[in-house]
């Protein structure tokens, strides 16, 4: 009985060791979202705001974009963009999909903000 338990534990340990990571791979420190797509932020919120022409409103919590469009969140990672978009929020991104904004879906805002985010390359 003890021998059977010991054998089972050894087999289980070998299986766990086989599930470890490959020692020949390296990680540059960034979170990978898919092949060669790092989830590290390339820009800060402030840099996105400046490049896209967004100005902080009087509350200091949100921004005003082209045509007076209200922006409530500036997203600087693909994960953040996916989170807001999958929740059904109104989101637009730059052409690369690396930064985006959540906005109040007013007439013309999607196009105006999409155009402004083209400046964030």
PDB file of N, CA and C in Angstrom:
ATOM      1  N   UNK A   1       0.826  -1.194   0.000  1.00  0.00           N
ATOM      2  CA  UNK A   1       0.000   0.000   0.000  1.00  0.00           C
ATOM      3  C   UNK A   1       0.865   1.251   0.000  1.00  0.00           C
ATOM      4  N   UNK A   2       1.858   1.318   0.890  1.00  0.00           N
ATOM      5  CA  UNK A   2       2.739   2.479   0.964  1.00  0.00           C
ATOM      6  C   UNK A   2       3.524   2.610  -0.334  1.00  0.00           C
ATOM      7  N   UNK A   3       3.926   1.455  -0.878  1.00  0.00           N
ATOM      8  CA  UNK A   3       4.665   1.467  -2.140  1.00  0.00           C
ATOM      9  C   UNK A   3       3.800   2.045  -3.266  1.00  0.00           C
ATOM     10  N   UNK A   4       2.518   1.717  -3.323  1.00  0.00           N
ATOM     11  CA  UNK A   4       1.610   2.216  -4.356  1.00  0.00           C
ATOM     12  C   UNK A   4       1.418   3.724  -4.223  1.00  0.00           C
ATOM     13  N   UNK A   5       1.294   4.204  -3.000  1.00  0.00           N
ATOM     14  CA  UNK A   5       1.137   5.640  -2.768  1.00  0.00           C
ATOM     15  C   UNK A   5       2.409   6.380  -3.184  1.00  0.00           C
ATOM     16  N   UNK A   6       3.564   5.808  -2.816  1.00  0.00           N
ATOM     17  CA  UNK A   6       4.845   6.407  -3.181  1.00  0.00           C
ATOM     18  C   UNK A   6       5.021   6.475  -4.681  1.00  0.00           C
ATOM     19  N   UNK A   7       4.644   5.420  -5.379  1.00  0.00           N
ATOM     20  CA  UNK A   7       4.739   5.389  -6.843  1.00  0.00           C
ATOM     21  C   UNK A   7       3.820   6.440  -7.454  1.00  0.00           C
ATOM     22  N   UNK A   8       2.615   6.555  -6.936  1.00  0.00           N
ATOM     23  CA  UNK A   8       1.659   7.540  -7.453  1.00  0.00           C
ATOM     24  C   UNK A   8       2.177   8.961  -7.247  1.00  0.00           C
ATOM     25  N   UNK A   9       2.774   9.222  -6.094  1.00  0.00           N
ATOM     26  CA  UNK A   9       3.330  10.554  -5.835  1.00  0.00           C
ATOM     27  C   UNK A   9       4.487  10.867  -6.773  1.00  0.00           C
ATOM     28  N   UNK A  10       5.338   9.889  -7.034  1.00  0.00           N
ATOM     29  CA  UNK A  10       6.462  10.093  -7.950  1.00  0.00           C
ATOM     30  C   UNK A  10       5.976  10.383  -9.367  1.00  0.00           C
ATOM     31  N   UNK A  11       4.993   9.638  -9.823  1.00  0.00           N
ATOM     32  CA  UNK A  11       4.434   9.855 -11.159  1.00  0.00           C
ATOM     33  C   UNK A  11       3.810  11.247 -11.240  1.00  0.00           C
ATOM     34  N   UNK A  12       3.085  11.628 -10.210  1.00  0.00           N
ATOM     35  CA  UNK A  12       2.470  12.968 -10.182  1.00  0.00           C
ATOM     36  C   UNK A  12       3.522  14.059 -10.210  1.00  0.00           C
ATOM     37  N   UNK A  13       4.613  13.882  -9.470  1.00  0.00           N
ATOM     38  CA  UNK A  13       5.693  14.869  -9.455  1.00  0.00           C
ATOM     39  C   UNK A  13       6.333  14.991 -10.821  1.00  0.00           C
ATOM     40  N   UNK A  14       6.544  13.861 -11.494  1.00  0.00           N
ATOM     41  CA  UNK A  14       7.129  13.880 -12.837  1.00  0.00           C
ATOM     42  C   UNK A  14       6.219  14.607 -13.821  1.00  0.00           C
ATOM     43  N   UNK A  15       4.925  14.405 -13.702  1.00  0.00           N
ATOM     44  CA  UNK A  15       3.979  15.089 -14.585  1.00  0.00           C
ATOM     45  C   UNK A  15       4.025  16.602 -14.364  1.00  0.00           C
ATOM     46  N   UNK A  16       4.110  17.028 -13.114  1.00  0.00           N
ATOM     47  CA  UNK A  16       4.185  18.460 -12.810  1.00  0.00           C
ATOM     48  C   UNK A  16       5.470  19.077 -13.341  1.00  0.00           C
ATOM     49  N   UNK A  17       6.575  18.365 -13.222  1.00  0.00           N
ATOM     50  CA  UNK A  17       7.846  18.864 -13.731  1.00  0.00           C
ATOM     51  C   UNK A  17       7.764  19.024 -15.241  1.00  0.00           C
ATOM     52  N   UNK A  18       7.117  18.112 -15.915  1.00  0.00           N
ATOM     53  CA  UNK A  18       6.971  18.170 -17.365  1.00  0.00           C
ATOM     54  C   UNK A  18       6.097  19.320 -17.826  1.00  0.00           C
ATOM     55  N   UNK A  19       5.281  19.882 -16.940  1.00  0.00           N
ATOM     56  CA  UNK A  19       4.392  20.985 -17.290  1.00  0.00           C
ATOM     57  C   UNK A  19       5.052  22.338 -17.102  1.00  0.00           C
ATOM     58  N   UNK A  20       6.275  22.383 -16.627  1.00  0.00           N
ATOM     59  CA  UNK A  20       6.965  23.658 -16.389  1.00  0.00           C
ATOM     60  C   UNK A  20       7.269  24.378 -17.677  1.00  0.00           C
ATOM     61  N   UNK A  21       7.809  25.583 -17.543  1.00  0.00           N
ATOM     62  CA  UNK A  21       8.126  26.368 -18.732  1.00  0.00           C
ATOM     63  C   UNK A  21       9.411  25.877 -19.360  1.00  0.00           C
ATOM     64  N   UNK A  22       9.562  26.127 -20.638  1.00  0.00           N
ATOM     65  CA  UNK A  22      10.748  25.757 -21.386  1.00  0.00           C
ATOM     66  C   UNK A  22      11.879  26.689 -20.997  1.00  0.00           C
ATOM     67  N   UNK A  23      12.980  26.143 -20.571  1.00  0.00           N
ATOM     68  CA  UNK A  23      14.084  26.983 -20.104  1.00  0.00           C
ATOM     69  C   UNK A  23      14.757  27.742 -21.241  1.00  0.00           C
ATOM     70  N   UNK A  24      14.440  27.415 -22.492  1.00  0.00           N
ATOM     71  CA  UNK A  24      15.036  28.106 -23.629  1.00  0.00           C
ATOM     72  C   UNK A  24      14.259  29.335 -24.049  1.00  0.00           C
ATOM     73  N   UNK A  25      13.136  29.608 -23.426  1.00  0.00           N
ATOM     74  CA  UNK A  25      12.357  30.783 -23.787  1.00  0.00           C
ATOM     75  C   UNK A  25      12.725  31.929 -22.874  1.00  0.00           C
ATOM     76  N   UNK A  26      12.527  33.130 -23.365  1.00  0.00           N
ATOM     77  CA  UNK A  26      12.807  34.304 -22.532  1.00  0.00           C
ATOM     78  C   UNK A  26      11.608  35.218 -22.548  1.00  0.00           C
ATOM     79  N   UNK A  27      11.504  36.031 -21.526  1.00  0.00           N
ATOM     80  CA  UNK A  27      10.415  36.987 -21.415  1.00  0.00           C
ATOM     81  C   UNK A  27      11.022  38.369 -21.271  1.00  0.00           C
ATOM     82  N   UNK A  28      10.610  39.276 -22.107  1.00  0.00           N
ATOM     83  CA  UNK A  28      11.166  40.624 -22.067  1.00  0.00           C
ATOM     84  C   UNK A  28      10.567  41.451 -20.942  1.00  0.00           C
ATOM     85  N   UNK A  29       9.649  40.883 -20.188  1.00  0.00           N
ATOM     86  CA  UNK A  29       9.061  41.602 -19.075  1.00  0.00           C
ATOM     87  C   UNK A  29       7.656  42.094 -19.356  1.00  0.00           C
ATOM     88  N   UNK A  30       7.256  42.183 -20.603  1.00  0.00           N
ATOM     89  CA  UNK A  30       5.922  42.659 -20.947  1.00  0.00           C
ATOM     90  C   UNK A  30       4.943  41.525 -21.024  1.00  0.00           C
ATOM     91  N   UNK A  31       3.683  41.812 -20.818  1.00  0.00           N
ATOM     92  CA  UNK A  31       2.639  40.817 -20.937  1.00  0.00           C
ATOM     93  C   UNK A  31       2.344  40.614 -22.409  1.00  0.00           C
ATOM     94  N   UNK A  32       2.343  39.373 -22.859  1.00  0.00           N
ATOM     95  CA  UNK A  32       2.052  39.098 -24.256  1.00  0.00           C
ATOM     96  C   UNK A  32       0.563  38.836 -24.417  1.00  0.00           C
ATOM     97  N   UNK A  33      -0.076  39.531 -25.358  1.00  0.00           N
ATOM     98  CA  UNK A  33      -1.489  39.310 -25.609  1.00  0.00           C
ATOM     99  C   UNK A  33      -1.683  38.311 -26.743  1.00  0.00           C
ATOM    100  N   UNK A  34      -0.803  38.272 -27.691  1.00  0.00           N
ATOM    101  CA  UNK A  34      -0.764  37.280 -28.753  1.00  0.00           C
ATOM    102  C   UNK A  34       0.612  37.385 -29.390  1.00  0.00           C
ATOM    103  N   UNK A  35       0.860  36.610 -30.403  1.00  0.00           N
ATOM    104  CA  UNK A  35       2.198  36.561 -30.991  1.00  0.00           C
ATOM    105  C   UNK A  35       2.725  37.950 -31.318  1.00  0.00           C
ATOM    106  N   UNK A  36       3.821  38.306 -30.689  1.00  0.00           N
ATOM    107  CA  UNK A  36       4.517  39.575 -30.915  1.00  0.00           C
ATOM    108  C   UNK A  36       3.689  40.824 -30.635  1.00  0.00           C
ATOM    109  N   UNK A  37       2.667  40.738 -29.806  1.00  0.00           N
ATOM    110  CA  UNK A  37       1.887  41.908 -29.444  1.00  0.00           C
ATOM    111  C   UNK A  37       2.023  42.140 -27.947  1.00  0.00           C
ATOM    112  N   UNK A  38       2.863  43.066 -27.571  1.00  0.00           N
ATOM    113  CA  UNK A  38       3.059  43.374 -26.170  1.00  0.00           C
ATOM    114  C   UNK A  38       1.887  44.192 -25.653  1.00  0.00           C
ATOM    115  N   UNK A  39       1.530  43.975 -24.399  1.00  0.00           N
ATOM    116  CA  UNK A  39       0.456  44.741 -23.784  1.00  0.00           C
ATOM    117  C   UNK A  39       1.003  45.909 -22.969  1.00  0.00           C
ATOM    118  N   UNK A  40       2.309  46.147 -23.046  1.00  0.00           N
ATOM    119  CA  UNK A  40       2.889  47.292 -22.345  1.00  0.00           C
ATOM    120  C   UNK A  40       2.401  48.580 -22.995  1.00  0.00           C
ATOM    121  N   UNK A  41       2.123  49.574 -22.177  1.00  0.00           N
ATOM    122  CA  UNK A  41       1.654  50.855 -22.686  1.00  0.00           C
ATOM    123  C   UNK A  41       2.795  51.584 -23.395  1.00  0.00           C
ATOM    124  N   UNK A  42       2.549  51.997 -24.629  1.00  0.00           N
ATOM    125  CA  UNK A  42       3.546  52.753 -25.392  1.00  0.00           C
ATOM    126  C   UNK A  42       3.444  54.239 -25.082  1.00  0.00           C
ATOM    127  N   UNK A  43       2.285  54.664 -24.594  1.00  0.00           N
ATOM    128  CA  UNK A  43       2.034  56.073 -24.288  1.00  0.00           C
ATOM    129  C   UNK A  43       1.377  56.193 -22.923  1.00  0.00           C
ATOM    130  N   UNK A  44       1.541  57.345 -22.300  1.00  0.00           N
ATOM    131  CA  UNK A  44       0.801  57.654 -21.081  1.00  0.00           C
ATOM    132  C   UNK A  44      -0.530  58.285 -21.485  1.00  0.00           C
ATOM    133  N   UNK A  45      -1.450  58.397 -20.538  1.00  0.00           N
ATOM    134  CA  UNK A  45      -2.718  59.079 -20.821  1.00  0.00           C
ATOM    135  C   UNK A  45      -2.460  60.509 -21.291  1.00  0.00           C
ATOM    136  N   UNK A  46      -1.534  61.189 -20.633  1.00  0.00           N
ATOM    137  CA  UNK A  46      -1.229  62.575 -20.984  1.00  0.00           C
ATOM    138  C   UNK A  46      -0.701  62.680 -22.414  1.00  0.00           C
ATOM    139  N   UNK A  47       0.163  61.761 -22.825  1.00  0.00           N
ATOM    140  CA  UNK A  47       0.700  61.774 -24.184  1.00  0.00           C
ATOM    141  C   UNK A  47      -0.401  61.538 -25.213  1.00  0.00           C
ATOM    142  N   UNK A  48      -1.305  60.620 -24.926  1.00  0.00           N
ATOM    143  CA  UNK A  48      -2.426  60.370 -25.839  1.00  0.00           C
ATOM    144  C   UNK A  48      -3.289  61.618 -25.942  1.00  0.00           C
ATOM    145  N   UNK A  49      -3.592  62.225 -24.793  1.00  0.00           N
ATOM    146  CA  UNK A  49      -4.427  63.434 -24.782  1.00  0.00           C
ATOM    147  C   UNK A  49      -3.789  64.543 -25.616  1.00  0.00           C
ATOM    148  N   UNK A  50      -2.501  64.764 -25.427  1.00  0.00           N
ATOM    149  CA  UNK A  50      -1.815  65.824 -26.173  1.00  0.00           C
ATOM    150  C   UNK A  50      -1.815  65.547 -27.658  1.00  0.00           C
ATOM    151  N   UNK A  51      -1.468  64.336 -28.065  1.00  0.00           N
ATOM    152  CA  UNK A  51      -1.383  64.002 -29.486  1.00  0.00           C
ATOM    153  C   UNK A  51      -2.752  64.002 -30.169  1.00  0.00           C
ATOM    154  N   UNK A  52      -3.783  63.650 -29.418  1.00  0.00           N
ATOM    155  CA  UNK A  52      -5.132  63.585 -29.991  1.00  0.00           C
ATOM    156  C   UNK A  52      -5.899  64.901 -29.843  1.00  0.00           C
ATOM    157  N   UNK A  53      -5.296  65.886 -29.198  1.00  0.00           N
ATOM    158  CA  UNK A  53      -5.970  67.172 -29.037  1.00  0.00           C
ATOM    159  C   UNK A  53      -7.081  67.157 -28.002  1.00  0.00           C
ATOM    160  N   UNK A  54      -6.953  66.309 -26.991  1.00  0.00           N
ATOM    161  CA  UNK A  54      -7.943  66.253 -25.917  1.00  0.00           C
ATOM    162  C   UNK A  54      -7.502  67.188 -24.797  1.00  0.00           C
ATOM    163  N   UNK A  55      -8.457  67.904 -24.230  1.00  0.00           N
ATOM    164  CA  UNK A  55      -8.145  68.766 -23.091  1.00  0.00           C
ATOM    165  C   UNK A  55      -8.970  68.309 -21.902  1.00  0.00           C
ATOM    166  N   UNK A  56      -8.368  68.377 -20.734  1.00  0.00           N
ATOM    167  CA  UNK A  56      -9.084  67.957 -19.531  1.00  0.00           C
ATOM    168  C   UNK A  56     -10.190  68.961 -19.222  1.00  0.00           C
ATOM    169  N   UNK A  57     -11.347  68.452 -18.820  1.00  0.00           N
ATOM    170  CA  UNK A  57     -12.452  69.354 -18.489  1.00  0.00           C
ATOM    171  C   UNK A  57     -12.243  69.957 -17.103  1.00  0.00           C
ATOM    172  N   UNK A  58     -13.160  70.801 -16.690  1.00  0.00           N
ATOM    173  CA  UNK A  58     -13.041  71.506 -15.411  1.00  0.00           C
ATOM    174  C   UNK A  58     -12.981  70.572 -14.207  1.00  0.00           C
ATOM    175  N   UNK A  59     -13.604  69.404 -14.309  1.00  0.00           N
ATOM    176  CA  UNK A  59     -13.599  68.458 -13.185  1.00  0.00           C
ATOM    177  C   UNK A  59     -12.241  67.786 -13.019  1.00  0.00           C
ATOM    178  N   UNK A  60     -11.450  67.765 -14.083  1.00  0.00           N
ATOM    179  CA  UNK A  60     -10.169  67.088 -14.043  1.00  0.00           C
ATOM    180  C   UNK A  60     -10.281  65.577 -14.147  1.00  0.00           C
ATOM    181  N   UNK A  61     -11.492  65.092 -14.393  1.00  0.00           N
ATOM    182  CA  UNK A  61     -11.734  63.653 -14.451  1.00  0.00           C
ATOM    183  C   UNK A  61     -11.859  63.161 -15.886  1.00  0.00           C
ATOM    184  N   UNK A  62     -12.417  63.966 -16.759  1.00  0.00           N
ATOM    185  CA  UNK A  62     -12.612  63.553 -18.143  1.00  0.00           C
ATOM    186  C   UNK A  62     -12.013  64.590 -19.088  1.00  0.00           C
ATOM    187  N   UNK A  63     -12.125  64.312 -20.370  1.00  0.00           N
ATOM    188  CA  UNK A  63     -11.524  65.164 -21.390  1.00  0.00           C
ATOM    189  C   UNK A  63     -12.564  65.594 -22.405  1.00  0.00           C
ATOM    190  N   UNK A  64     -12.243  66.654 -23.114  1.00  0.00           N
ATOM    191  CA  UNK A  64     -13.077  67.139 -24.210  1.00  0.00           C
ATOM    192  C   UNK A  64     -12.234  67.041 -25.477  1.00  0.00           C
ATOM    193  N   UNK A  65     -12.814  66.419 -26.484  1.00  0.00           N
ATOM    194  CA  UNK A  65     -12.100  66.215 -27.731  1.00  0.00           C
ATOM    195  C   UNK A  65     -12.634  67.087 -28.839  1.00  0.00           C
ATOM    196  N   UNK A  66     -12.284  66.741 -30.066  1.00  0.00           N
ATOM    197  CA  UNK A  66     -12.752  67.484 -31.228  1.00  0.00           C
ATOM    198  C   UNK A  66     -14.279  67.591 -31.239  1.00  0.00           C
ATOM    199  N   UNK A  67     -14.762  68.703 -31.684  1.00  0.00           N
ATOM    200  CA  UNK A  67     -16.215  68.941 -31.782  1.00  0.00           C
ATOM    201  C   UNK A  67     -16.909  68.873 -30.431  1.00  0.00           C
ATOM    202  N   UNK A  68     -16.157  69.021 -29.328  1.00  0.00           N
ATOM    203  CA  UNK A  68     -16.759  69.004 -27.999  1.00  0.00           C
ATOM    204  C   UNK A  68     -17.116  67.623 -27.488  1.00  0.00           C
ATOM    205  N   UNK A  69     -16.581  66.583 -28.120  1.00  0.00           N
ATOM    206  CA  UNK A  69     -16.874  65.205 -27.713  1.00  0.00           C
ATOM    207  C   UNK A  69     -16.327  64.932 -26.321  1.00  0.00           C
ATOM    208  N   UNK A  70     -17.137  64.290 -25.491  1.00  0.00           N
ATOM    209  CA  UNK A  70     -16.765  63.965 -24.113  1.00  0.00           C
ATOM    210  C   UNK A  70     -16.075  62.603 -24.059  1.00  0.00           C
ATOM    211  N   UNK A  71     -14.868  62.580 -23.515  1.00  0.00           N
ATOM    212  CA  UNK A  71     -14.089  61.353 -23.356  1.00  0.00           C
ATOM    213  C   UNK A  71     -13.962  61.092 -21.861  1.00  0.00           C
ATOM    214  N   UNK A  72     -14.384  59.895 -21.435  1.00  0.00           N
ATOM    215  CA  UNK A  72     -14.325  59.586 -20.000  1.00  0.00           C
ATOM    216  C   UNK A  72     -13.122  58.739 -19.621  1.00  0.00           C
ATOM    217  N   UNK A  73     -12.572  57.994 -20.579  1.00  0.00           N
ATOM    218  CA  UNK A  73     -11.430  57.124 -20.278  1.00  0.00           C
ATOM    219  C   UNK A  73     -10.464  57.133 -21.457  1.00  0.00           C
ATOM    220  N   UNK A  74      -9.185  57.274 -21.157  1.00  0.00           N
ATOM    221  CA  UNK A  74      -8.133  57.091 -22.156  1.00  0.00           C
ATOM    222  C   UNK A  74      -7.480  55.747 -21.856  1.00  0.00           C
ATOM    223  N   UNK A  75      -7.442  54.885 -22.849  1.00  0.00           N
ATOM    224  CA  UNK A  75      -6.891  53.541 -22.676  1.00  0.00           C
ATOM    225  C   UNK A  75      -5.538  53.447 -23.378  1.00  0.00           C
ATOM    226  N   UNK A  76      -4.545  52.929 -22.674  1.00  0.00           N
ATOM    227  CA  UNK A  76      -3.187  52.880 -23.220  1.00  0.00           C
ATOM    228  C   UNK A  76      -2.666  51.462 -23.436  1.00  0.00           C
ATOM    229  N   UNK A  77      -3.537  50.456 -23.266  1.00  0.00           N
ATOM    230  CA  UNK A  77      -3.139  49.072 -23.536  1.00  0.00           C
ATOM    231  C   UNK A  77      -4.247  48.366 -24.299  1.00  0.00           C
ATOM    232  N   UNK A  78      -3.859  47.326 -25.017  1.00  0.00           N
ATOM    233  CA  UNK A  78      -4.843  46.530 -25.762  1.00  0.00           C
ATOM    234  C   UNK A  78      -5.837  45.858 -24.814  1.00  0.00           C
ATOM    235  N   UNK A  79      -5.354  45.414 -23.654  1.00  0.00           N
ATOM    236  CA  UNK A  79      -6.246  44.772 -22.681  1.00  0.00           C
ATOM    237  C   UNK A  79      -7.336  45.728 -22.215  1.00  0.00           C
ATOM    238  N   UNK A  80      -6.974  46.967 -21.941  1.00  0.00           N
ATOM    239  CA  UNK A  80      -7.966  47.948 -21.500  1.00  0.00           C
ATOM    240  C   UNK A  80      -8.985  48.197 -22.604  1.00  0.00           C
ATOM    241  N   UNK A  81      -8.507  48.315 -23.834  1.00  0.00           N
ATOM    242  CA  UNK A  81      -9.413  48.541 -24.967  1.00  0.00           C
ATOM    243  C   UNK A  81     -10.381  47.376 -25.085  1.00  0.00           C
ATOM    244  N   UNK A  82      -9.867  46.157 -25.025  1.00  0.00           N
ATOM    245  CA  UNK A  82     -10.724  44.972 -25.126  1.00  0.00           C
ATOM    246  C   UNK A  82     -11.742  44.912 -23.991  1.00  0.00           C
ATOM    247  N   UNK A  83     -11.319  45.285 -22.783  1.00  0.00           N
ATOM    248  CA  UNK A  83     -12.212  45.246 -21.626  1.00  0.00           C
ATOM    249  C   UNK A  83     -13.398  46.186 -21.831  1.00  0.00           C
ATOM    250  N   UNK A  84     -13.127  47.428 -22.200  1.00  0.00           N
ATOM    251  CA  UNK A  84     -14.207  48.394 -22.392  1.00  0.00           C
ATOM    252  C   UNK A  84     -15.066  48.044 -23.602  1.00  0.00           C
ATOM    253  N   UNK A  85     -14.439  47.653 -24.694  1.00  0.00           N
ATOM    254  CA  UNK A  85     -15.204  47.324 -25.905  1.00  0.00           C
ATOM    255  C   UNK A  85     -16.101  46.111 -25.672  1.00  0.00           C
ATOM    256  N   UNK A  86     -15.579  45.090 -24.994  1.00  0.00           N
ATOM    257  CA  UNK A  86     -16.389  43.890 -24.758  1.00  0.00           C
ATOM    258  C   UNK A  86     -17.520  44.154 -23.764  1.00  0.00           C
ATOM    259  N   UNK A  87     -17.391  45.220 -22.967  1.00  0.00           N
ATOM    260  CA  UNK A  87     -18.469  45.588 -22.045  1.00  0.00           C
ATOM    261  C   UNK A  87     -19.574  46.370 -22.755  1.00  0.00           C
ATOM    262  N   UNK A  88     -19.343  46.692 -24.038  1.00  0.00           N
ATOM    263  CA  UNK A  88     -20.354  47.404 -24.812  1.00  0.00           C
ATOM    264  C   UNK A  88     -20.214  48.908 -24.776  1.00  0.00           C
ATOM    265  N   UNK A  89     -19.110  49.405 -24.216  1.00  0.00           N
ATOM    266  CA  UNK A  89     -18.890  50.855 -24.180  1.00  0.00           C
ATOM    267  C   UNK A  89     -18.543  51.374 -25.569  1.00  0.00           C
ATOM    268  N   UNK A  90     -18.825  52.655 -25.793  1.00  0.00           N
ATOM    269  CA  UNK A  90     -18.453  53.307 -27.049  1.00  0.00           C
ATOM    270  C   UNK A  90     -16.952  53.573 -26.998  1.00  0.00           C
ATOM    271  N   UNK A  91     -16.205  52.880 -27.868  1.00  0.00           N
ATOM    272  CA  UNK A  91     -14.750  52.946 -27.865  1.00  0.00           C
ATOM    273  C   UNK A  91     -14.260  53.163 -29.289  1.00  0.00           C
ATOM    274  N   UNK A  92     -13.248  54.023 -29.435  1.00  0.00           N
ATOM    275  CA  UNK A  92     -12.530  54.154 -30.701  1.00  0.00           C
ATOM    276  C   UNK A  92     -11.038  54.041 -30.402  1.00  0.00           C
ATOM    277  N   UNK A  93     -10.284  53.586 -31.399  1.00  0.00           N
ATOM    278  CA  UNK A  93      -8.851  53.403 -31.226  1.00  0.00           C
ATOM    279  C   UNK A  93      -8.083  54.093 -32.349  1.00  0.00           C
ATOM    280  N   UNK A  94      -6.767  54.170 -32.151  1.00  0.00           N
ATOM    281  CA  UNK A  94      -5.916  54.614 -33.249  1.00  0.00           C
ATOM    282  C   UNK A  94      -5.858  53.478 -34.264  1.00  0.00           C
ATOM    283  N   UNK A  95      -5.346  53.725 -35.477  1.00  0.00           N
ATOM    284  CA  UNK A  95      -5.327  52.665 -36.496  1.00  0.00           C
ATOM    285  C   UNK A  95      -4.598  51.391 -36.058  1.00  0.00           C
ATOM    286  N   UNK A  96      -3.577  51.519 -35.229  1.00  0.00           N
ATOM    287  CA  UNK A  96      -2.841  50.336 -34.770  1.00  0.00           C
ATOM    288  C   UNK A  96      -3.578  49.577 -33.679  1.00  0.00           C
ATOM    289  N   UNK A  97      -4.598  50.178 -33.082  1.00  0.00           N
ATOM    290  CA  UNK A  97      -5.338  49.534 -32.002  1.00  0.00           C
ATOM    291  C   UNK A  97      -4.578  49.482 -30.696  1.00  0.00           C
ATOM    292  N   UNK A  98      -3.582  50.357 -30.531  1.00  0.00           N
ATOM    293  CA  UNK A  98      -2.751  50.332 -29.336  1.00  0.00           C
ATOM    294  C   UNK A  98      -3.203  51.308 -28.266  1.00  0.00           C
ATOM    295  N   UNK A  99      -3.959  52.327 -28.634  1.00  0.00           N
ATOM    296  CA  UNK A  99      -4.555  53.262 -27.675  1.00  0.00           C
ATOM    297  C   UNK A  99      -5.988  53.527 -28.110  1.00  0.00           C
ATOM    298  N   UNK A 100      -6.802  53.938 -27.153  1.00  0.00           N
ATOM    299  CA  UNK A 100      -8.190  54.225 -27.479  1.00  0.00           C
ATOM    300  C   UNK A 100      -8.827  55.089 -26.422  1.00  0.00           C
ATOM    301  N   UNK A 101     -10.062  55.478 -26.689  1.00  0.00           N
ATOM    302  CA  UNK A 101     -10.819  56.275 -25.737  1.00  0.00           C
ATOM    303  C   UNK A 101     -12.237  55.739 -25.624  1.00  0.00           C
ATOM    304  N   UNK A 102     -12.778  55.872 -24.428  1.00  0.00           N
ATOM    305  CA  UNK A 102     -14.203  55.615 -24.196  1.00  0.00           C
ATOM    306  C   UNK A 102     -14.862  56.979 -24.240  1.00  0.00           C
ATOM    307  N   UNK A 103     -15.936  57.101 -25.006  1.00  0.00           N
ATOM    308  CA  UNK A 103     -16.547  58.404 -25.202  1.00  0.00           C
ATOM    309  C   UNK A 103     -18.059  58.340 -25.094  1.00  0.00           C
ATOM    310  N   UNK A 104     -18.643  59.504 -24.857  1.00  0.00           N
ATOM    311  CA  UNK A 104     -20.094  59.621 -24.854  1.00  0.00           C
ATOM    312  C   UNK A 104     -20.532  59.613 -26.310  1.00  0.00           C
ATOM    313  N   UNK A 105     -21.371  58.648 -26.712  1.00  0.00           N
ATOM    314  CA  UNK A 105     -21.700  58.471 -28.127  1.00  0.00           C
ATOM    315  C   UNK A 105     -22.642  59.543 -28.681  1.00  0.00           C
ATOM    316  N   UNK A 106     -22.104  60.734 -28.849  1.00  0.00           N
ATOM    317  CA  UNK A 106     -22.859  61.842 -29.425  1.00  0.00           C
ATOM    318  C   UNK A 106     -22.640  61.867 -30.939  1.00  0.00           C
ATOM    319  N   UNK A 107     -23.506  62.521 -31.658  1.00  0.00           N
ATOM    320  CA  UNK A 107     -23.430  62.593 -33.108  1.00  0.00           C
ATOM    321  C   UNK A 107     -22.076  63.119 -33.572  1.00  0.00           C
ATOM    322  N   UNK A 108     -21.431  62.369 -34.450  1.00  0.00           N
ATOM    323  CA  UNK A 108     -20.165  62.779 -35.044  1.00  0.00           C
ATOM    324  C   UNK A 108     -18.933  62.497 -34.210  1.00  0.00           C
ATOM    325  N   UNK A 109     -19.113  62.073 -32.980  1.00  0.00           N
ATOM    326  CA  UNK A 109     -17.949  61.876 -32.100  1.00  0.00           C
ATOM    327  C   UNK A 109     -17.085  60.691 -32.507  1.00  0.00           C
ATOM    328  N   UNK A 110     -17.695  59.615 -32.940  1.00  0.00           N
ATOM    329  CA  UNK A 110     -16.895  58.450 -33.341  1.00  0.00           C
ATOM    330  C   UNK A 110     -15.910  58.842 -34.438  1.00  0.00           C
ATOM    331  N   UNK A 111     -16.397  59.512 -35.465  1.00  0.00           N
ATOM    332  CA  UNK A 111     -15.520  59.912 -36.569  1.00  0.00           C
ATOM    333  C   UNK A 111     -14.487  60.947 -36.132  1.00  0.00           C
ATOM    334  N   UNK A 112     -14.905  61.923 -35.341  1.00  0.00           N
ATOM    335  CA  UNK A 112     -13.991  62.981 -34.901  1.00  0.00           C
ATOM    336  C   UNK A 112     -12.875  62.412 -34.027  1.00  0.00           C
ATOM    337  N   UNK A 113     -13.226  61.532 -33.111  1.00  0.00           N
ATOM    338  CA  UNK A 113     -12.211  60.955 -32.228  1.00  0.00           C
ATOM    339  C   UNK A 113     -11.319  59.958 -32.965  1.00  0.00           C
ATOM    340  N   UNK A 114     -11.883  59.193 -33.889  1.00  0.00           N
ATOM    341  CA  UNK A 114     -11.070  58.283 -34.702  1.00  0.00           C
ATOM    342  C   UNK A 114     -10.022  59.065 -35.479  1.00  0.00           C
ATOM    343  N   UNK A 115     -10.449  60.170 -36.044  1.00  0.00           N
ATOM    344  CA  UNK A 115      -9.531  61.023 -36.796  1.00  0.00           C
ATOM    345  C   UNK A 115      -8.446  61.596 -35.881  1.00  0.00           C
ATOM    346  N   UNK A 116      -8.825  62.051 -34.689  1.00  0.00           N
ATOM    347  CA  UNK A 116      -7.861  62.621 -33.746  1.00  0.00           C
ATOM    348  C   UNK A 116      -6.855  61.579 -33.277  1.00  0.00           C
ATOM    349  N   UNK A 117      -7.295  60.341 -33.099  1.00  0.00           N
ATOM    350  CA  UNK A 117      -6.402  59.280 -32.622  1.00  0.00           C
ATOM    351  C   UNK A 117      -5.418  58.807 -33.694  1.00  0.00           C
ATOM    352  N   UNK A 118      -5.641  59.202 -34.944  1.00  0.00           N
ATOM    353  CA  UNK A 118      -4.667  58.885 -35.994  1.00  0.00           C
ATOM    354  C   UNK A 118      -3.330  59.574 -35.722  1.00  0.00           C
ATOM    355  N   UNK A 119      -3.346  60.612 -34.907  1.00  0.00           N
ATOM    356  CA  UNK A 119      -2.117  61.327 -34.562  1.00  0.00           C
ATOM    357  C   UNK A 119      -1.285  60.591 -33.519  1.00  0.00           C
ATOM    358  N   UNK A 120      -1.836  59.532 -32.939  1.00  0.00           N
ATOM    359  CA  UNK A 120      -1.113  58.725 -31.944  1.00  0.00           C
ATOM    360  C   UNK A 120      -0.648  57.460 -32.661  1.00  0.00           C
ATOM    361  N   UNK A 121       0.606  57.490 -33.088  1.00  0.00           N
ATOM    362  CA  UNK A 121       1.117  56.386 -33.929  1.00  0.00           C
ATOM    363  C   UNK A 121       1.959  55.432 -33.167  1.00  0.00           C
TER     364      UNK A 121
END
